[in-house]
C-alpha atoms as a PDB file:
ATOM      1  CA  MET A   1     131.079 107.279  94.798  1.00  0.00           C
ATOM      2  CA  THR A   2     134.623 105.737  96.089  1.00  0.00           C
ATOM      3  CA  THR A   3     137.986 107.223  95.036  1.00  0.00           C
ATOM      4  CA  GLU A   4     139.159 103.702  93.748  1.00  0.00           C
ATOM      5  CA  GLU A   5     136.010 103.542  92.043  1.00  0.00           C
ATOM      6  CA  LEU A   6     136.822 106.736  90.377  1.00  0.00           C
ATOM      7  CA  VAL A   7     140.010 106.240  89.718  1.00  0.00           C
ATOM      8  CA  ALA A   8     138.828 102.819  87.690  1.00  0.00           C
ATOM      9  CA  VAL A   9     136.636 105.285  85.700  1.00  0.00           C
ATOM     10  CA  TRP A  10     139.195 107.472  84.510  1.00  0.00           C
ATOM     11  CA  ARG A  11     141.501 104.813  83.634  1.00  0.00           C
ATOM     12  CA  ASP A  12     139.315 103.041  81.235  1.00  0.00           C
ATOM     13  CA  VAL A  13     138.529 106.607  79.680  1.00  0.00           C
ATOM     14  CA  ILE A  14     141.672 108.331  79.109  1.00  0.00           C
ATOM     15  CA  THR A  15     143.105 106.913  76.113  1.00  0.00           C
ATOM     16  CA  GLY A  16     146.433 106.916  75.164  1.00  0.00           C
ATOM     17  CA  ASP A  17     148.965 104.617  78.218  1.00  0.00           C
ATOM     18  CA  HIS A  18     151.519 108.093  78.448  1.00  0.00           C
ATOM     19  CA  LYS A  19     149.002 110.699  79.676  1.00  0.00           C
ATOM     20  CA  SER A  20     149.302 111.181  83.319  1.00  0.00           C
ATOM     21  CA  TRP A  21     146.578 112.796  85.171  1.00  0.00           C
ATOM     22  CA  VAL A  22     145.517 113.804  88.829  1.00  0.00           C
ATOM     23  CA  LEU A  23     141.974 113.336  90.223  1.00  0.00           C
ATOM     24  CA  PHE A  24     140.312 115.681  93.050  1.00  0.00           C
ATOM     25  CA  GLU A  25     137.786 114.703  95.292  1.00  0.00           C
ATOM     26  CA  HIS A  26     135.087 115.351  93.074  1.00  0.00           C
ATOM     27  CA  GLY A  27     135.537 113.775  90.612  1.00  0.00           C
ATOM     28  CA  THR A  28     137.274 116.557  88.376  1.00  0.00           C
ATOM     29  CA  CYS A  29     140.539 114.923  86.677  1.00  0.00           C
ATOM     30  CA  VAL A  30     143.616 116.910  85.149  1.00  0.00           C
ATOM     31  CA  ILE A  31     145.020 115.334  82.387  1.00  0.00           C
ATOM     32  CA  LEU A  32     148.785 116.601  82.268  1.00  0.00           C
ATOM     33  CA  MET A  33     150.028 116.496  78.423  1.00  0.00           C
ATOM     34  CA  ASP A  34     152.987 118.652  79.127  1.00  0.00           C
ATOM     35  CA  PRO A  35     154.068 116.866  82.800  1.00  0.00           C
ATOM     36  CA  GLU A  36     156.234 118.965  85.163  1.00  0.00           C
ATOM     37  CA  ASP A  37     158.231 117.505  88.504  1.00  0.00           C
ATOM     38  CA  ASP A  38     155.732 117.638  90.878  1.00  0.00           C
ATOM     39  CA  LEU A  39     152.109 116.542  89.260  1.00  0.00           C
ATOM     40  CA  ALA A  40     149.892 117.323  91.920  1.00  0.00           C
ATOM     41  CA  VAL A  41     151.468 121.197  92.283  1.00  0.00           C
ATOM     42  CA  GLN A  42     150.974 121.054  88.693  1.00  0.00           C
ATOM     43  CA  ALA A  43     147.407 119.963  88.554  1.00  0.00           C
ATOM     44  CA  THR A  44     146.532 121.789  91.566  1.00  0.00           C
ATOM     45  CA  GLY A  45     147.760 124.877  89.674  1.00  0.00           C
ATOM     46  CA  LEU A  46     145.513 124.436  86.789  1.00  0.00           C
ATOM     47  CA  LEU A  47     142.493 124.047  88.431  1.00  0.00           C
ATOM     48  CA  ARG A  48     143.147 126.776  90.716  1.00  0.00           C
ATOM     49  CA  GLU A  49     142.843 128.834  87.573  1.00  0.00           C
ATOM     50  CA  PHE A  50     140.160 127.039  85.238  1.00  0.00           C
ATOM     51  CA  GLY A  51     138.110 125.118  88.067  1.00  0.00           C
ATOM     52  CA  PRO A  52     136.180 127.799  90.095  1.00  0.00           C
ATOM     53  CA  VAL A  53     132.906 128.783  88.045  1.00  0.00           C
ATOM     54  CA  GLN A  54     132.172 132.417  87.478  1.00  0.00           C
ATOM     55  CA  ALA A  55     129.519 133.034  85.783  1.00  0.00           C
ATOM     56  CA  GLY A  56     129.184 135.117  82.446  1.00  0.00           C
ATOM     57  CA  THR A  57     132.233 134.203  81.654  1.00  0.00           C
ATOM     58  CA  PRO A  58     133.588 131.285  79.767  1.00  0.00           C
ATOM     59  CA  ALA A  59     134.096 129.786  83.230  1.00  0.00           C
ATOM     60  CA  GLY A  60     130.874 129.311  83.743  1.00  0.00           C
ATOM     61  CA  ASP A  61     130.364 127.590  79.805  1.00  0.00           C
ATOM     62  CA  PHE A  62     130.406 123.740  79.765  1.00  0.00           C
ATOM     63  CA  GLY A  63     129.697 121.081  78.154  1.00  0.00           C
ATOM     64  CA  THR A  64     129.195 116.939  78.107  1.00  0.00           C
ATOM     65  CA  ILE A  65     130.187 113.488  76.697  1.00  0.00           C
ATOM     66  CA  ASP A  66     128.565 110.118  76.592  1.00  0.00           C
ATOM     67  CA  LEU A  67     131.163 107.930  77.479  1.00  0.00           C
ATOM     68  CA  ASP A  68     131.436 105.019  75.650  1.00  0.00           C
ATOM     69  CA  ALA A  69     134.477 103.241  78.209  1.00  0.00           C
ATOM     70  CA  ALA A  70     132.254 103.908  81.443  1.00  0.00           C
ATOM     71  CA  PRO A  71     128.869 104.619  82.267  1.00  0.00           C
ATOM     72  CA  GLY A  72     127.935 108.423  82.832  1.00  0.00           C
ATOM     73  CA  TRP A  73     129.279 111.407  81.101  1.00  0.00           C
ATOM     74  CA  ALA A  74     132.231 113.736  81.325  1.00  0.00           C
ATOM     75  CA  VAL A  75     131.971 117.896  81.546  1.00  0.00           C
ATOM     76  CA  TYR A  76     134.413 119.685  80.352  1.00  0.00           C
ATOM     77  CA  GLY A  77     134.593 123.419  80.694  1.00  0.00           C
ATOM     78  CA  HIS A  78     136.951 126.513  79.503  1.00  0.00           C
ATOM     79  CA  HIS A  79     140.229 124.109  79.542  1.00  0.00           C
ATOM     80  CA  ASN A  80     140.038 121.086  77.244  1.00  0.00           C
ATOM     81  CA  ASP A  81     142.414 118.893  80.058  1.00  0.00           C
ATOM     82  CA  VAL A  82     140.092 119.721  82.854  1.00  0.00           C
ATOM     83  CA  LEU A  83     137.073 116.792  83.077  1.00  0.00           C
ATOM     84  CA  THR A  84     134.837 116.421  85.414  1.00  0.00           C
ATOM     85  CA  TYR A  85     132.761 112.641  86.104  1.00  0.00           C
ATOM     86  CA  VAL A  86     129.078 112.721  86.478  1.00  0.00           C
ATOM     87  CA  ALA A  87     128.119 108.570  87.154  1.00  0.00           C
ATOM     88  CA  PRO A  88     124.398 107.577  86.316  1.00  0.00           C
ATOM     89  CA  GLU A  89     123.458 107.725  89.544  1.00  0.00           C
ATOM     90  CA  GLU A  90     124.046 111.237  90.329  1.00  0.00           C
ATOM     91  CA  ALA A  91     122.022 112.444  87.560  1.00  0.00           C
ATOM     92  CA  GLY A  92     118.476 111.106  88.524  1.00  0.00           C
ATOM     93  CA  ASP A  93     116.117 109.436  85.839  1.00  0.00           C
ATOM     94  CA  GLU A  94     116.209 110.690  83.292  1.00  0.00           C
ATOM     95  CA  PRO A  95     119.523 113.229  83.102  1.00  0.00           C
ATOM     96  CA  SER A  96     119.384 115.427  80.059  1.00  0.00           C
ATOM     97  CA  ASP A  97     122.767 117.274  78.776  1.00  0.00           C
ATOM     98  CA  LEU A  98     121.912 120.293  80.769  1.00  0.00           C
ATOM     99  CA  ALA A  99     121.091 118.704  84.341  1.00  0.00           C
ATOM    100  CA  VAL A 100     124.656 116.879  83.715  1.00  0.00           C
ATOM    101  CA  GLY A 101     126.542 119.709  82.864  1.00  0.00           C
ATOM    102  CA  LEU A 102     125.836 122.102  85.777  1.00  0.00           C
ATOM    103  CA  LEU A 103     126.416 118.990  87.904  1.00  0.00           C
ATOM    104  CA  GLY A 104     129.607 118.669  86.357  1.00  0.00           C
ATOM    105  CA  ARG A 105     130.415 122.204  86.413  1.00  0.00           C
ATOM    106  CA  SER A 106     129.272 122.371  90.174  1.00  0.00           C
ATOM    107  CA  LYS A 107     131.564 119.412  91.013  1.00  0.00           C
ATOM    108  CA  ARG A 108     134.879 121.217  88.976  1.00  0.00           C
ATOM    109  CA  ASP A 109     134.067 124.306  90.871  1.00  0.00           C
ATOM    110  CA  GLN A 110     134.008 121.964  93.794  1.00  0.00           C
ATOM    111  CA  ASP A 111     137.322 120.681  93.599  1.00  0.00           C
ATOM    112  CA  GLY A 112     138.024 123.996  92.002  1.00  0.00           C
ATOM    113  CA  LYS A 113     138.656 125.479  95.392  1.00  0.00           C
ATOM    114  CA  GLU A 114     139.180 122.974  98.002  1.00  0.00           C
ATOM    115  CA  LEU A 115     141.784 121.632  95.089  1.00  0.00           C
ATOM    116  CA  THR A 116     141.530 118.549  97.710  1.00  0.00           C
ATOM    117  CA  VAL A 117     143.985 115.798  95.427  1.00  0.00           C
ATOM    118  CA  VAL A 118     143.056 111.902  96.058  1.00  0.00           C
ATOM    119  CA  HIS A 119     145.338 110.381  93.237  1.00  0.00           C
ATOM    120  CA  VAL A 120     148.175 111.336  90.973  1.00  0.00           C
ATOM    121  CA  GLU A 121     148.468 108.090  87.639  1.00  0.00           C
ATOM    122  CA  ASP A 122     152.278 108.866  86.674  1.00  0.00           C
ATOM    123  CA  LYS A 123     152.633 107.872  83.026  1.00  0.00           C
ATOM    124  CA  ARG A 124     156.057 109.694  82.407  1.00  0.00           C
ATOM    125  CA  PRO A 125     158.803 106.594  81.555  1.00  0.00           C
ATOM    126  CA  ARG A 126     161.091 106.506  83.772  1.00  0.00           C
END
């Protein structure tokens, strides 16, 4: 998916006009409930800590959410505000929660190591 397509998905999925968020290259979105001065720096710090997968720890855990506002799934891990999008075309012909979750976790791990910000959605009051 292109960055523009991912941004459109997250805009549809994230409810609440007041939530600022940051999107990373492989589809991981960090929602900033208490935004600080530099949203990208804040989100990068959260993803650096909560993105990489470490087997046998809470960092290896995941769950899936079937999205209503967009086709596909959001995969969550051990931080409630770090979510990774998995599109239907990425999941194969008969996707299972396990397959979707593993793919989303892998994408989160990649984003958590590379930390490449591709979009910042600043919803703070002006």
